[in-house]
Amino acid sequence: MYCSHPRFLVAIVTMFSFSALSCGPSTDPPQFDLSGGTWHDLSYEFSSETLYWPTADPFRLDTVAFGPTEAGFFYAAFTFSASEHGGTHLDAPIHFSENGLSIDQIPINQLVGPIAVVDVSTIALGNRDYLVSVGDLQSFERTSGRIPDRAMVLIMTGYGQFWPDAEKYLGTTERGPSAVAKLHFPGLHPDAATWLVQNRNVKGIGIDTPSIDYGQSTGFESHQVISGANTLIFENVANLDVLPPKGAWLVAAPMKIAGGSGGPLRLLAFDPR
């Protein structure tokens, strides 16, 4: 069956199978126009400076070859290794839900959606252990309108400005199991996580801190709620201050690891303004 749509040849978007481009009914928001606007990279680069959980192996890049070959041409090749969860990355639902999707099982259309940027930086920068509440989400809706169903909610605490300073971003420079208790950064309250997945049916929730649960969490309840709904989690999201509260669109492109609980993420936002 062949479908014809206006602006069908719309660069990258068509590759991500927007439901609005299909012939059948859809509950997703309509197609948007990429003829203008600006793309923004919401990802940190992976390097020796990339921040990881204190118990996780950091990113490592080793040189296989770099320079001229005997045949006379230049050649470069490297190997890399790292934990799934570090830097800008995606938590697949299986990370905290036994029957959740692994990263390679996530439907492509769940990786794209309209963005709502909830800015709590004024409060969170004054409280390293701040928990984003249902009230914060409702306050956002009073000023910016309803969070769309199937949206990507990105929480801006303001802590992205501290990357990659471990002391300011994580709360500690220490490594190892004993350092986990010294983590201090804001996160999403489990009640707010529940409200988003039950009342707004969001596709994904991201934050500009190392974890969707705040640093002092021991039960990771927000992870459990979100993962249990097969909703995606984006952590260490960069550059949220360049986006409007609503109107931009997100494209999440994680490394496709078979059976993976998460992986490095290239997170891109399109602002049509």
Foldseek 3Di string as FASTA:
>chain_A
DDDDDPPCVQPPPVVLPAVLRDPDDDPADHDDHPPAFDKDWFFDDADPLWDDAQAWFHKDKAWPDAAADPVGDTDTDIDMDTDFQTGWKKFFLVLQDVPTDALLRDRSNLQKHWEAEQEPQVPFVVFQAAADALVSQVVSCVVPNDDAAQHEYEYENPLLVVPPPCCSQQVDPHHDPVCLQRGTHYAHDLNNLLCCCPVRVYQEYEYLHSANHGSNDDPNNSSNSCSVSRHMYIYNTHDPVVDDSTQKMKGWDFDNDVRHSMHRIGIMITHRD
